[in-house]
Amino acid sequence: MILIVLKAQIRPDKRDEWLSGISEYKKNVNSEPGNISFDYHENFEKENEFVIVEVFRDGDAGTAHVQTDHAQNFFPFMSTVVSEKPKINYQDIDGDAWNEMAEVTPQ
């Protein structure tokens, strides 16, 4: 399983363009057969910083993702809206990337 976490600082003047582009990209990535999940969230403590969390079945699914038309179009688009080079955390994990949190149980 591949777990990818990105941090991207978006230029304030490109915020609306970013939100439109990332929303469409999310739909496309979530429709890929090897995708488990794709989500993005804004850091409310740091304006216009977004975190993207992607999970793919395996390395082959990750490779297939990067080769899709929507990924090939999104990467150049992203370079026009960020104010600095995004940070990435890429993890190739054996087994399931999601486990239950031991410290919290619903009551």
PDB file of N, CA and C in Angstrom:
ATOM      1  N   MET A   1       0.842  -1.163   0.000  1.00  0.00           N
ATOM      2  CA  MET A   1       0.000   0.000   0.000  1.00  0.00           C
ATOM      3  C   MET A   1       0.893   1.233   0.000  1.00  0.00           C
ATOM      4  N   ILE A   2       0.487   2.244  -0.745  1.00  0.00           N
ATOM      5  CA  ILE A   2       1.224   3.498  -0.848  1.00  0.00           C
ATOM      6  C   ILE A   2       0.419   4.587  -0.140  1.00  0.00           C
ATOM      7  N   LEU A   3       1.063   5.280   0.786  1.00  0.00           N
ATOM      8  CA  LEU A   3       0.455   6.402   1.493  1.00  0.00           C
ATOM      9  C   LEU A   3       1.277   7.639   1.169  1.00  0.00           C
ATOM     10  N   ILE A   4       0.615   8.664   0.640  1.00  0.00           N
ATOM     11  CA  ILE A   4       1.284   9.906   0.257  1.00  0.00           C
ATOM     12  C   ILE A   4       0.581  11.057   0.952  1.00  0.00           C
ATOM     13  N   VAL A   5       1.370  11.891   1.616  1.00  0.00           N
ATOM     14  CA  VAL A   5       0.838  13.108   2.236  1.00  0.00           C
ATOM     15  C   VAL A   5       1.615  14.285   1.659  1.00  0.00           C
ATOM     16  N   LEU A   6       0.887  15.232   1.112  1.00  0.00           N
ATOM     17  CA  LEU A   6       1.490  16.439   0.537  1.00  0.00           C
ATOM     18  C   LEU A   6       1.039  17.660   1.322  1.00  0.00           C
ATOM     19  N   LYS A   7       1.918  18.633   1.454  1.00  0.00           N
ATOM     20  CA  LYS A   7       1.573  19.948   1.984  1.00  0.00           C
ATOM     21  C   LYS A   7       1.833  20.943   0.875  1.00  0.00           C
ATOM     22  N   ALA A   8       0.843  21.764   0.571  1.00  0.00           N
ATOM     23  CA  ALA A   8       0.994  22.749  -0.496  1.00  0.00           C
ATOM     24  C   ALA A   8       0.495  24.111  -0.019  1.00  0.00           C
ATOM     25  N   GLN A   9       1.341  25.122  -0.165  1.00  0.00           N
ATOM     26  CA  GLN A   9       0.964  26.493   0.152  1.00  0.00           C
ATOM     27  C   GLN A   9       0.471  27.143  -1.139  1.00  0.00           C
ATOM     28  N   ILE A  10      -0.785  27.571  -1.135  1.00  0.00           N
ATOM     29  CA  ILE A  10      -1.414  28.115  -2.333  1.00  0.00           C
ATOM     30  C   ILE A  10      -1.348  29.644  -2.298  1.00  0.00           C
ATOM     31  N   ARG A  11      -1.062  30.235  -3.443  1.00  0.00           N
ATOM     32  CA  ARG A  11      -1.041  31.704  -3.542  1.00  0.00           C
ATOM     33  C   ARG A  11      -2.449  32.240  -3.285  1.00  0.00           C
ATOM     34  N   PRO A  12      -2.590  33.248  -2.450  1.00  0.00           N
ATOM     35  CA  PRO A  12      -3.934  33.776  -2.131  1.00  0.00           C
ATOM     36  C   PRO A  12      -4.734  34.180  -3.370  1.00  0.00           C
ATOM     37  N   ASP A  13      -4.079  34.746  -4.375  1.00  0.00           N
ATOM     38  CA  ASP A  13      -4.784  35.178  -5.582  1.00  0.00           C
ATOM     39  C   ASP A  13      -5.192  34.006  -6.481  1.00  0.00           C
ATOM     40  N   LYS A  14      -4.732  32.803  -6.159  1.00  0.00           N
ATOM     41  CA  LYS A  14      -5.056  31.607  -6.953  1.00  0.00           C
ATOM     42  C   LYS A  14      -5.959  30.635  -6.186  1.00  0.00           C
ATOM     43  N   ARG A  15      -6.428  31.045  -5.013  1.00  0.00           N
ATOM     44  CA  ARG A  15      -7.221  30.159  -4.138  1.00  0.00           C
ATOM     45  C   ARG A  15      -8.445  29.573  -4.845  1.00  0.00           C
ATOM     46  N   ASP A  16      -9.260  30.407  -5.473  1.00  0.00           N
ATOM     47  CA  ASP A  16     -10.473  29.914  -6.131  1.00  0.00           C
ATOM     48  C   ASP A  16     -10.145  28.953  -7.270  1.00  0.00           C
ATOM     49  N   GLU A  17      -9.114  29.286  -8.022  1.00  0.00           N
ATOM     50  CA  GLU A  17      -8.675  28.411  -9.118  1.00  0.00           C
ATOM     51  C   GLU A  17      -8.210  27.059  -8.555  1.00  0.00           C
ATOM     52  N   TRP A  18      -7.455  27.107  -7.456  1.00  0.00           N
ATOM     53  CA  TRP A  18      -6.990  25.890  -6.783  1.00  0.00           C
ATOM     54  C   TRP A  18      -8.162  25.033  -6.326  1.00  0.00           C
ATOM     55  N   LEU A  19      -9.122  25.641  -5.642  1.00  0.00           N
ATOM     56  CA  LEU A  19     -10.256  24.876  -5.106  1.00  0.00           C
ATOM     57  C   LEU A  19     -11.043  24.192  -6.222  1.00  0.00           C
ATOM     58  N   SER A  20     -11.213  24.869  -7.311  1.00  0.00           N
ATOM     59  CA  SER A  20     -11.904  24.268  -8.452  1.00  0.00           C
ATOM     60  C   SER A  20     -11.083  23.113  -9.033  1.00  0.00           C
ATOM     61  N   GLY A  21      -9.789  23.339  -9.216  1.00  0.00           N
ATOM     62  CA  GLY A  21      -8.924  22.317  -9.810  1.00  0.00           C
ATOM     63  C   GLY A  21      -8.759  21.090  -8.929  1.00  0.00           C
ATOM     64  N   ILE A  22      -8.563  21.288  -7.634  1.00  0.00           N
ATOM     65  CA  ILE A  22      -8.349  20.143  -6.737  1.00  0.00           C
ATOM     66  C   ILE A  22      -9.634  19.347  -6.556  1.00  0.00           C
ATOM     67  N   SER A  23     -10.769  20.023  -6.599  1.00  0.00           N
ATOM     68  CA  SER A  23     -12.059  19.323  -6.492  1.00  0.00           C
ATOM     69  C   SER A  23     -12.265  18.379  -7.681  1.00  0.00           C
ATOM     70  N   GLU A  24     -11.976  18.860  -8.870  1.00  0.00           N
ATOM     71  CA  GLU A  24     -12.105  18.027 -10.071  1.00  0.00           C
ATOM     72  C   GLU A  24     -11.080  16.888 -10.052  1.00  0.00           C
ATOM     73  N   TYR A  25      -9.868  17.208  -9.638  1.00  0.00           N
ATOM     74  CA  TYR A  25      -8.812  16.198  -9.567  1.00  0.00           C
ATOM     75  C   TYR A  25      -9.181  15.093  -8.584  1.00  0.00           C
ATOM     76  N   LYS A  26      -9.747  15.444  -7.454  1.00  0.00           N
ATOM     77  CA  LYS A  26     -10.184  14.469  -6.445  1.00  0.00           C
ATOM     78  C   LYS A  26     -11.167  13.468  -7.060  1.00  0.00           C
ATOM     79  N   LYS A  27     -12.140  13.981  -7.807  1.00  0.00           N
ATOM     80  CA  LYS A  27     -13.115  13.091  -8.454  1.00  0.00           C
ATOM     81  C   LYS A  27     -12.410  12.113  -9.388  1.00  0.00           C
ATOM     82  N   ASN A  28     -11.477  12.611 -10.177  1.00  0.00           N
ATOM     83  CA  ASN A  28     -10.766  11.756 -11.130  1.00  0.00           C
ATOM     84  C   ASN A  28      -9.900  10.717 -10.430  1.00  0.00           C
ATOM     85  N   VAL A  29      -9.157  11.132  -9.414  1.00  0.00           N
ATOM     86  CA  VAL A  29      -8.274  10.187  -8.714  1.00  0.00           C
ATOM     87  C   VAL A  29      -9.092   9.133  -7.988  1.00  0.00           C
ATOM     88  N   ASN A  30     -10.180   9.542  -7.344  1.00  0.00           N
ATOM     89  CA  ASN A  30     -11.012   8.578  -6.621  1.00  0.00           C
ATOM     90  C   ASN A  30     -11.659   7.552  -7.549  1.00  0.00           C
ATOM     91  N   SER A  31     -11.729   7.848  -8.841  1.00  0.00           N
ATOM     92  CA  SER A  31     -12.322   6.895  -9.785  1.00  0.00           C
ATOM     93  C   SER A  31     -11.297   5.888 -10.328  1.00  0.00           C
ATOM     94  N   GLU A  32     -10.025   6.059 -10.008  1.00  0.00           N
ATOM     95  CA  GLU A  32      -9.002   5.125 -10.477  1.00  0.00           C
ATOM     96  C   GLU A  32      -9.162   3.775  -9.778  1.00  0.00           C
ATOM     97  N   PRO A  33      -9.010   2.662 -10.501  1.00  0.00           N
ATOM     98  CA  PRO A  33      -9.200   1.342  -9.887  1.00  0.00           C
ATOM     99  C   PRO A  33      -8.235   1.039  -8.745  1.00  0.00           C
ATOM    100  N   GLY A  34      -7.018   1.570  -8.765  1.00  0.00           N
ATOM    101  CA  GLY A  34      -6.046   1.291  -7.717  1.00  0.00           C
ATOM    102  C   GLY A  34      -6.052   2.280  -6.568  1.00  0.00           C
ATOM    103  N   ASN A  35      -6.946   3.269  -6.636  1.00  0.00           N
ATOM    104  CA  ASN A  35      -7.013   4.272  -5.579  1.00  0.00           C
ATOM    105  C   ASN A  35      -7.887   3.791  -4.436  1.00  0.00           C
ATOM    106  N   ILE A  36      -7.402   3.941  -3.215  1.00  0.00           N
ATOM    107  CA  ILE A  36      -8.194   3.613  -2.030  1.00  0.00           C
ATOM    108  C   ILE A  36      -8.869   4.872  -1.503  1.00  0.00           C
ATOM    109  N   SER A  37      -8.118   5.977  -1.460  1.00  0.00           N
ATOM    110  CA  SER A  37      -8.736   7.245  -1.061  1.00  0.00           C
ATOM    111  C   SER A  37      -7.869   8.414  -1.491  1.00  0.00           C
ATOM    112  N   PHE A  38      -8.520   9.545  -1.653  1.00  0.00           N
ATOM    113  CA  PHE A  38      -7.855  10.812  -1.968  1.00  0.00           C
ATOM    114  C   PHE A  38      -8.676  11.896  -1.289  1.00  0.00           C
ATOM    115  N   ASP A  39      -8.053  12.625  -0.386  1.00  0.00           N
ATOM    116  CA  ASP A  39      -8.736  13.699   0.329  1.00  0.00           C
ATOM    117  C   ASP A  39      -7.804  14.893   0.448  1.00  0.00           C
ATOM    118  N   TYR A  40      -8.382  16.059   0.572  1.00  0.00           N
ATOM    119  CA  TYR A  40      -7.585  17.253   0.825  1.00  0.00           C
ATOM    120  C   TYR A  40      -8.298  18.089   1.885  1.00  0.00           C
ATOM    121  N   HIS A  41      -7.480  18.796   2.658  1.00  0.00           N
ATOM    122  CA  HIS A  41      -7.988  19.584   3.779  1.00  0.00           C
ATOM    123  C   HIS A  41      -7.168  20.858   3.893  1.00  0.00           C
ATOM    124  N   GLU A  42      -7.837  21.920   4.316  1.00  0.00           N
ATOM    125  CA  GLU A  42      -7.121  23.173   4.548  1.00  0.00           C
ATOM    126  C   GLU A  42      -6.696  23.264   6.007  1.00  0.00           C
ATOM    127  N   ASN A  43      -5.488  23.747   6.227  1.00  0.00           N
ATOM    128  CA  ASN A  43      -4.982  24.011   7.567  1.00  0.00           C
ATOM    129  C   ASN A  43      -5.548  25.365   7.998  1.00  0.00           C
ATOM    130  N   PHE A  44      -6.454  25.366   8.945  1.00  0.00           N
ATOM    131  CA  PHE A  44      -7.098  26.610   9.349  1.00  0.00           C
ATOM    132  C   PHE A  44      -6.194  27.486  10.216  1.00  0.00           C
ATOM    133  N   GLU A  45      -5.049  26.968  10.623  1.00  0.00           N
ATOM    134  CA  GLU A  45      -4.096  27.775  11.380  1.00  0.00           C
ATOM    135  C   GLU A  45      -3.079  28.465  10.470  1.00  0.00           C
ATOM    136  N   LYS A  46      -2.978  28.002   9.230  1.00  0.00           N
ATOM    137  CA  LYS A  46      -2.059  28.610   8.267  1.00  0.00           C
ATOM    138  C   LYS A  46      -2.831  28.810   6.966  1.00  0.00           C
ATOM    139  N   GLU A  47      -3.247  30.019   6.737  1.00  0.00           N
ATOM    140  CA  GLU A  47      -4.117  30.331   5.609  1.00  0.00           C
ATOM    141  C   GLU A  47      -3.530  29.849   4.281  1.00  0.00           C
ATOM    142  N   ASN A  48      -4.376  29.221   3.504  1.00  0.00           N
ATOM    143  CA  ASN A  48      -4.058  28.735   2.159  1.00  0.00           C
ATOM    144  C   ASN A  48      -3.040  27.597   2.126  1.00  0.00           C
ATOM    145  N   GLU A  49      -2.814  26.935   3.265  1.00  0.00           N
ATOM    146  CA  GLU A  49      -2.013  25.710   3.253  1.00  0.00           C
ATOM    147  C   GLU A  49      -2.972  24.528   3.204  1.00  0.00           C
ATOM    148  N   PHE A  50      -2.745  23.644   2.248  1.00  0.00           N
ATOM    149  CA  PHE A  50      -3.592  22.476   2.074  1.00  0.00           C
ATOM    150  C   PHE A  50      -2.763  21.215   2.246  1.00  0.00           C
ATOM    151  N   VAL A  51      -3.395  20.203   2.817  1.00  0.00           N
ATOM    152  CA  VAL A  51      -2.794  18.883   2.966  1.00  0.00           C
ATOM    153  C   VAL A  51      -3.595  17.917   2.105  1.00  0.00           C
ATOM    154  N   ILE A  52      -2.898  17.138   1.320  1.00  0.00           N
ATOM    155  CA  ILE A  52      -3.516  16.129   0.459  1.00  0.00           C
ATOM    156  C   ILE A  52      -3.061  14.763   0.962  1.00  0.00           C
ATOM    157  N   VAL A  53      -4.027  13.858   1.157  1.00  0.00           N
ATOM    158  CA  VAL A  53      -3.721  12.501   1.616  1.00  0.00           C
ATOM    159  C   VAL A  53      -4.219  11.537   0.547  1.00  0.00           C
ATOM    160  N   GLU A  54      -3.279  10.771  -0.024  1.00  0.00           N
ATOM    161  CA  GLU A  54      -3.596   9.811  -1.083  1.00  0.00           C
ATOM    162  C   GLU A  54      -3.191   8.413  -0.620  1.00  0.00           C
ATOM    163  N   VAL A  55      -4.055   7.442  -0.886  1.00  0.00           N
ATOM    164  CA  VAL A  55      -3.728   6.049  -0.576  1.00  0.00           C
ATOM    165  C   VAL A  55      -4.018   5.220  -1.833  1.00  0.00           C
ATOM    166  N   PHE A  56      -2.991   4.456  -2.252  1.00  0.00           N
ATOM    167  CA  PHE A  56      -3.125   3.581  -3.418  1.00  0.00           C
ATOM    168  C   PHE A  56      -2.868   2.138  -3.004  1.00  0.00           C
ATOM    169  N   ARG A  57      -3.487   1.227  -3.718  1.00  0.00           N
ATOM    170  CA  ARG A  57      -3.418  -0.205  -3.419  1.00  0.00           C
ATOM    171  C   ARG A  57      -1.974  -0.692  -3.311  1.00  0.00           C
ATOM    172  N   ASP A  58      -1.120  -0.259  -4.256  1.00  0.00           N
ATOM    173  CA  ASP A  58       0.277  -0.709  -4.287  1.00  0.00           C
ATOM    174  C   ASP A  58       1.074   0.202  -5.206  1.00  0.00           C
ATOM    175  N   GLY A  59       2.351  -0.117  -5.342  1.00  0.00           N
ATOM    176  CA  GLY A  59       3.222   0.690  -6.186  1.00  0.00           C
ATOM    177  C   GLY A  59       2.775   0.740  -7.635  1.00  0.00           C
ATOM    178  N   ASP A  60       2.232  -0.366  -8.149  1.00  0.00           N
ATOM    179  CA  ASP A  60       1.732  -0.371  -9.533  1.00  0.00           C
ATOM    180  C   ASP A  60       0.579   0.610  -9.700  1.00  0.00           C
ATOM    181  N   ALA A  61      -0.301   0.670  -8.702  1.00  0.00           N
ATOM    182  CA  ALA A  61      -1.422   1.613  -8.764  1.00  0.00           C
ATOM    183  C   ALA A  61      -0.914   3.050  -8.699  1.00  0.00           C
ATOM    184  N   GLY A  62       0.123   3.273  -7.888  1.00  0.00           N
ATOM    185  CA  GLY A  62       0.722   4.606  -7.815  1.00  0.00           C
ATOM    186  C   GLY A  62       1.361   5.012  -9.132  1.00  0.00           C
ATOM    187  N   THR A  63       2.058   4.080  -9.757  1.00  0.00           N
ATOM    188  CA  THR A  63       2.670   4.340 -11.062  1.00  0.00           C
ATOM    189  C   THR A  63       1.609   4.625 -12.113  1.00  0.00           C
ATOM    190  N   ALA A  64       0.535   3.819 -12.117  1.00  0.00           N
ATOM    191  CA  ALA A  64      -0.567   4.036 -13.068  1.00  0.00           C
ATOM    192  C   ALA A  64      -1.205   5.413 -12.842  1.00  0.00           C
ATOM    193  N   HIS A  65      -1.334   5.807 -11.582  1.00  0.00           N
ATOM    194  CA  HIS A  65      -1.923   7.116 -11.257  1.00  0.00           C
ATOM    195  C   HIS A  65      -1.116   8.251 -11.889  1.00  0.00           C
ATOM    196  N   VAL A  66       0.196   8.222 -11.716  1.00  0.00           N
ATOM    197  CA  VAL A  66       1.043   9.305 -12.225  1.00  0.00           C
ATOM    198  C   VAL A  66       0.976   9.394 -13.746  1.00  0.00           C
ATOM    199  N   GLN A  67       0.641   8.293 -14.402  1.00  0.00           N
ATOM    200  CA  GLN A  67       0.592   8.268 -15.866  1.00  0.00           C
ATOM    201  C   GLN A  67      -0.769   8.653 -16.441  1.00  0.00           C
ATOM    202  N   THR A  68      -1.792   8.854 -15.592  1.00  0.00           N
ATOM    203  CA  THR A  68      -3.111   9.215 -16.105  1.00  0.00           C
ATOM    204  C   THR A  68      -3.084  10.617 -16.711  1.00  0.00           C
ATOM    205  N   ASP A  69      -4.014  10.874 -17.614  1.00  0.00           N
ATOM    206  CA  ASP A  69      -4.116  12.212 -18.214  1.00  0.00           C
ATOM    207  C   ASP A  69      -4.405  13.261 -17.148  1.00  0.00           C
ATOM    208  N   HIS A  70      -5.292  12.918 -16.187  1.00  0.00           N
ATOM    209  CA  HIS A  70      -5.636  13.938 -15.194  1.00  0.00           C
ATOM    210  C   HIS A  70      -4.446  14.278 -14.304  1.00  0.00           C
ATOM    211  N   ALA A  71      -3.586  13.318 -13.978  1.00  0.00           N
ATOM    212  CA  ALA A  71      -2.384  13.630 -13.187  1.00  0.00           C
ATOM    213  C   ALA A  71      -1.393  14.431 -14.032  1.00  0.00           C
ATOM    214  N   GLN A  72      -1.204  14.041 -15.272  1.00  0.00           N
ATOM    215  CA  GLN A  72      -0.280  14.757 -16.153  1.00  0.00           C
ATOM    216  C   GLN A  72      -0.717  16.198 -16.393  1.00  0.00           C
ATOM    217  N   ASN A  73      -2.024  16.445 -16.347  1.00  0.00           N
ATOM    218  CA  ASN A  73      -2.538  17.817 -16.478  1.00  0.00           C
ATOM    219  C   ASN A  73      -2.513  18.565 -15.147  1.00  0.00           C
ATOM    220  N   PHE A  74      -2.700  17.839 -14.044  1.00  0.00           N
ATOM    221  CA  PHE A  74      -2.781  18.489 -12.744  1.00  0.00           C
ATOM    222  C   PHE A  74      -1.422  19.010 -12.268  1.00  0.00           C
ATOM    223  N   PHE A  75      -0.356  18.263 -12.494  1.00  0.00           N
ATOM    224  CA  PHE A  75       0.963  18.680 -12.005  1.00  0.00           C
ATOM    225  C   PHE A  75       1.376  20.046 -12.565  1.00  0.00           C
ATOM    226  N   PRO A  76       1.259  20.290 -13.870  1.00  0.00           N
ATOM    227  CA  PRO A  76       1.586  21.633 -14.380  1.00  0.00           C
ATOM    228  C   PRO A  76       0.626  22.703 -13.830  1.00  0.00           C
ATOM    229  N   PHE A  77      -0.658  22.352 -13.701  1.00  0.00           N
ATOM    230  CA  PHE A  77      -1.617  23.292 -13.113  1.00  0.00           C
ATOM    231  C   PHE A  77      -1.188  23.661 -11.695  1.00  0.00           C
ATOM    232  N   MET A  78      -0.819  22.657 -10.900  1.00  0.00           N
ATOM    233  CA  MET A  78      -0.446  22.900  -9.510  1.00  0.00           C
ATOM    234  C   MET A  78       0.732  23.872  -9.419  1.00  0.00           C
ATOM    235  N   SER A  79       1.658  23.764 -10.356  1.00  0.00           N
ATOM    236  CA  SER A  79       2.830  24.647 -10.316  1.00  0.00           C
ATOM    237  C   SER A  79       2.448  26.111 -10.534  1.00  0.00           C
ATOM    238  N   THR A  80       1.273  26.367 -11.104  1.00  0.00           N
ATOM    239  CA  THR A  80       0.839  27.748 -11.331  1.00  0.00           C
ATOM    240  C   THR A  80       0.104  28.347 -10.142  1.00  0.00           C
ATOM    241  N   VAL A  81      -0.247  27.542  -9.137  1.00  0.00           N
ATOM    242  CA  VAL A  81      -1.037  28.046  -8.011  1.00  0.00           C
ATOM    243  C   VAL A  81      -0.295  27.989  -6.676  1.00  0.00           C
ATOM    244  N   VAL A  82       0.817  27.268  -6.601  1.00  0.00           N
ATOM    245  CA  VAL A  82       1.558  27.184  -5.337  1.00  0.00           C
ATOM    246  C   VAL A  82       2.509  28.370  -5.198  1.00  0.00           C
ATOM    247  N   SER A  83       2.768  28.743  -3.935  1.00  0.00           N
ATOM    248  CA  SER A  83       3.705  29.840  -3.687  1.00  0.00           C
ATOM    249  C   SER A  83       5.096  29.325  -3.332  1.00  0.00           C
ATOM    250  N   GLU A  84       5.215  28.034  -3.084  1.00  0.00           N
ATOM    251  CA  GLU A  84       6.499  27.395  -2.792  1.00  0.00           C
ATOM    252  C   GLU A  84       6.398  25.927  -3.187  1.00  0.00           C
ATOM    253  N   LYS A  85       7.530  25.280  -3.301  1.00  0.00           N
ATOM    254  CA  LYS A  85       7.551  23.867  -3.690  1.00  0.00           C
ATOM    255  C   LYS A  85       6.835  23.043  -2.615  1.00  0.00           C
ATOM    256  N   PRO A  86       5.851  22.222  -3.005  1.00  0.00           N
ATOM    257  CA  PRO A  86       5.138  21.394  -2.024  1.00  0.00           C
ATOM    258  C   PRO A  86       6.075  20.397  -1.339  1.00  0.00           C
ATOM    259  N   LYS A  87       5.701  20.006  -0.139  1.00  0.00           N
ATOM    260  CA  LYS A  87       6.417  18.981   0.627  1.00  0.00           C
ATOM    261  C   LYS A  87       5.670  17.659   0.459  1.00  0.00           C
ATOM    262  N   ILE A  88       6.415  16.554   0.424  1.00  0.00           N
ATOM    263  CA  ILE A  88       5.788  15.249   0.240  1.00  0.00           C
ATOM    264  C   ILE A  88       6.348  14.245   1.248  1.00  0.00           C
ATOM    265  N   ASN A  89       5.468  13.395   1.737  1.00  0.00           N
ATOM    266  CA  ASN A  89       5.836  12.248   2.570  1.00  0.00           C
ATOM    267  C   ASN A  89       5.261  11.028   1.860  1.00  0.00           C
ATOM    268  N   TYR A  90       6.134  10.177   1.347  1.00  0.00           N
ATOM    269  CA  TYR A  90       5.752   8.991   0.562  1.00  0.00           C
ATOM    270  C   TYR A  90       6.133   7.757   1.362  1.00  0.00           C
ATOM    271  N   GLN A  91       5.152   6.908   1.630  1.00  0.00           N
ATOM    272  CA  GLN A  91       5.392   5.695   2.412  1.00  0.00           C
ATOM    273  C   GLN A  91       4.884   4.472   1.642  1.00  0.00           C
ATOM    274  N   ASP A  92       5.738   3.501   1.469  1.00  0.00           N
ATOM    275  CA  ASP A  92       5.352   2.209   0.893  1.00  0.00           C
ATOM    276  C   ASP A  92       5.170   1.272   2.089  1.00  0.00           C
ATOM    277  N   ILE A  93       3.935   0.895   2.356  1.00  0.00           N
ATOM    278  CA  ILE A  93       3.581   0.186   3.586  1.00  0.00           C
ATOM    279  C   ILE A  93       3.145  -1.236   3.279  1.00  0.00           C
ATOM    280  N   ASP A  94       3.682  -2.191   4.035  1.00  0.00           N
ATOM    281  CA  ASP A  94       3.193  -3.566   3.942  1.00  0.00           C
ATOM    282  C   ASP A  94       1.885  -3.652   4.706  1.00  0.00           C
ATOM    283  N   GLY A  95       0.867  -4.214   4.092  1.00  0.00           N
ATOM    284  CA  GLY A  95      -0.416  -4.379   4.775  1.00  0.00           C
ATOM    285  C   GLY A  95      -1.304  -3.158   4.626  1.00  0.00           C
ATOM    286  N   ASP A  96      -2.211  -2.991   5.552  1.00  0.00           N
ATOM    287  CA  ASP A  96      -3.210  -1.936   5.516  1.00  0.00           C
ATOM    288  C   ASP A  96      -2.648  -0.655   6.117  1.00  0.00           C
ATOM    289  N   ALA A  97      -2.863   0.470   5.464  1.00  0.00           N
ATOM    290  CA  ALA A  97      -2.374   1.751   5.970  1.00  0.00           C
ATOM    291  C   ALA A  97      -3.243   2.292   7.092  1.00  0.00           C
ATOM    292  N   TRP A  98      -4.433   1.773   7.244  1.00  0.00           N
ATOM    293  CA  TRP A  98      -5.366   2.288   8.245  1.00  0.00           C
ATOM    294  C   TRP A  98      -5.608   1.234   9.320  1.00  0.00           C
ATOM    295  N   ASN A  99      -5.399   1.614  10.549  1.00  0.00           N
ATOM    296  CA  ASN A  99      -5.663   0.759  11.695  1.00  0.00           C
ATOM    297  C   ASN A  99      -6.566   1.516  12.657  1.00  0.00           C
ATOM    298  N   GLU A 100      -7.268   0.786  13.495  1.00  0.00           N
ATOM    299  CA  GLU A 100      -8.108   1.445  14.497  1.00  0.00           C
ATOM    300  C   GLU A 100      -7.230   2.117  15.535  1.00  0.00           C
ATOM    301  N   MET A 101      -7.673   3.287  15.994  1.00  0.00           N
ATOM    302  CA  MET A 101      -6.959   4.036  17.014  1.00  0.00           C
ATOM    303  C   MET A 101      -7.279   3.443  18.379  1.00  0.00           C
ATOM    304  N   ALA A 102      -6.280   2.959  19.072  1.00  0.00           N
ATOM    305  CA  ALA A 102      -6.481   2.262  20.342  1.00  0.00           C
ATOM    306  C   ALA A 102      -6.996   3.182  21.440  1.00  0.00           C
ATOM    307  N   GLU A 103      -6.636   4.463  21.383  1.00  0.00           N
ATOM    308  CA  GLU A 103      -6.947   5.380  22.476  1.00  0.00           C
ATOM    309  C   GLU A 103      -8.391   5.864  22.521  1.00  0.00           C
ATOM    310  N   VAL A 104      -9.138   5.715  21.435  1.00  0.00           N
ATOM    311  CA  VAL A 104     -10.495   6.245  21.380  1.00  0.00           C
ATOM    312  C   VAL A 104     -11.481   5.165  20.949  1.00  0.00           C
ATOM    313  N   THR A 105     -12.541   4.986  21.736  1.00  0.00           N
ATOM    314  CA  THR A 105     -13.621   4.059  21.430  1.00  0.00           C
ATOM    315  C   THR A 105     -14.932   4.817  21.530  1.00  0.00           C
ATOM    316  N   PRO A 106     -15.801   4.759  20.521  1.00  0.00           N
ATOM    317  CA  PRO A 106     -17.089   5.451  20.603  1.00  0.00           C
ATOM    318  C   PRO A 106     -17.901   4.942  21.794  1.00  0.00           C
ATOM    319  N   GLN A 107     -18.602   5.845  22.424  1.00  0.00           N
ATOM    320  CA  GLN A 107     -19.437   5.475  23.573  1.00  0.00           C
ATOM    321  C   GLN A 107     -20.890   5.725  23.274  1.00  0.00           C
TER     322      GLN A 107
END
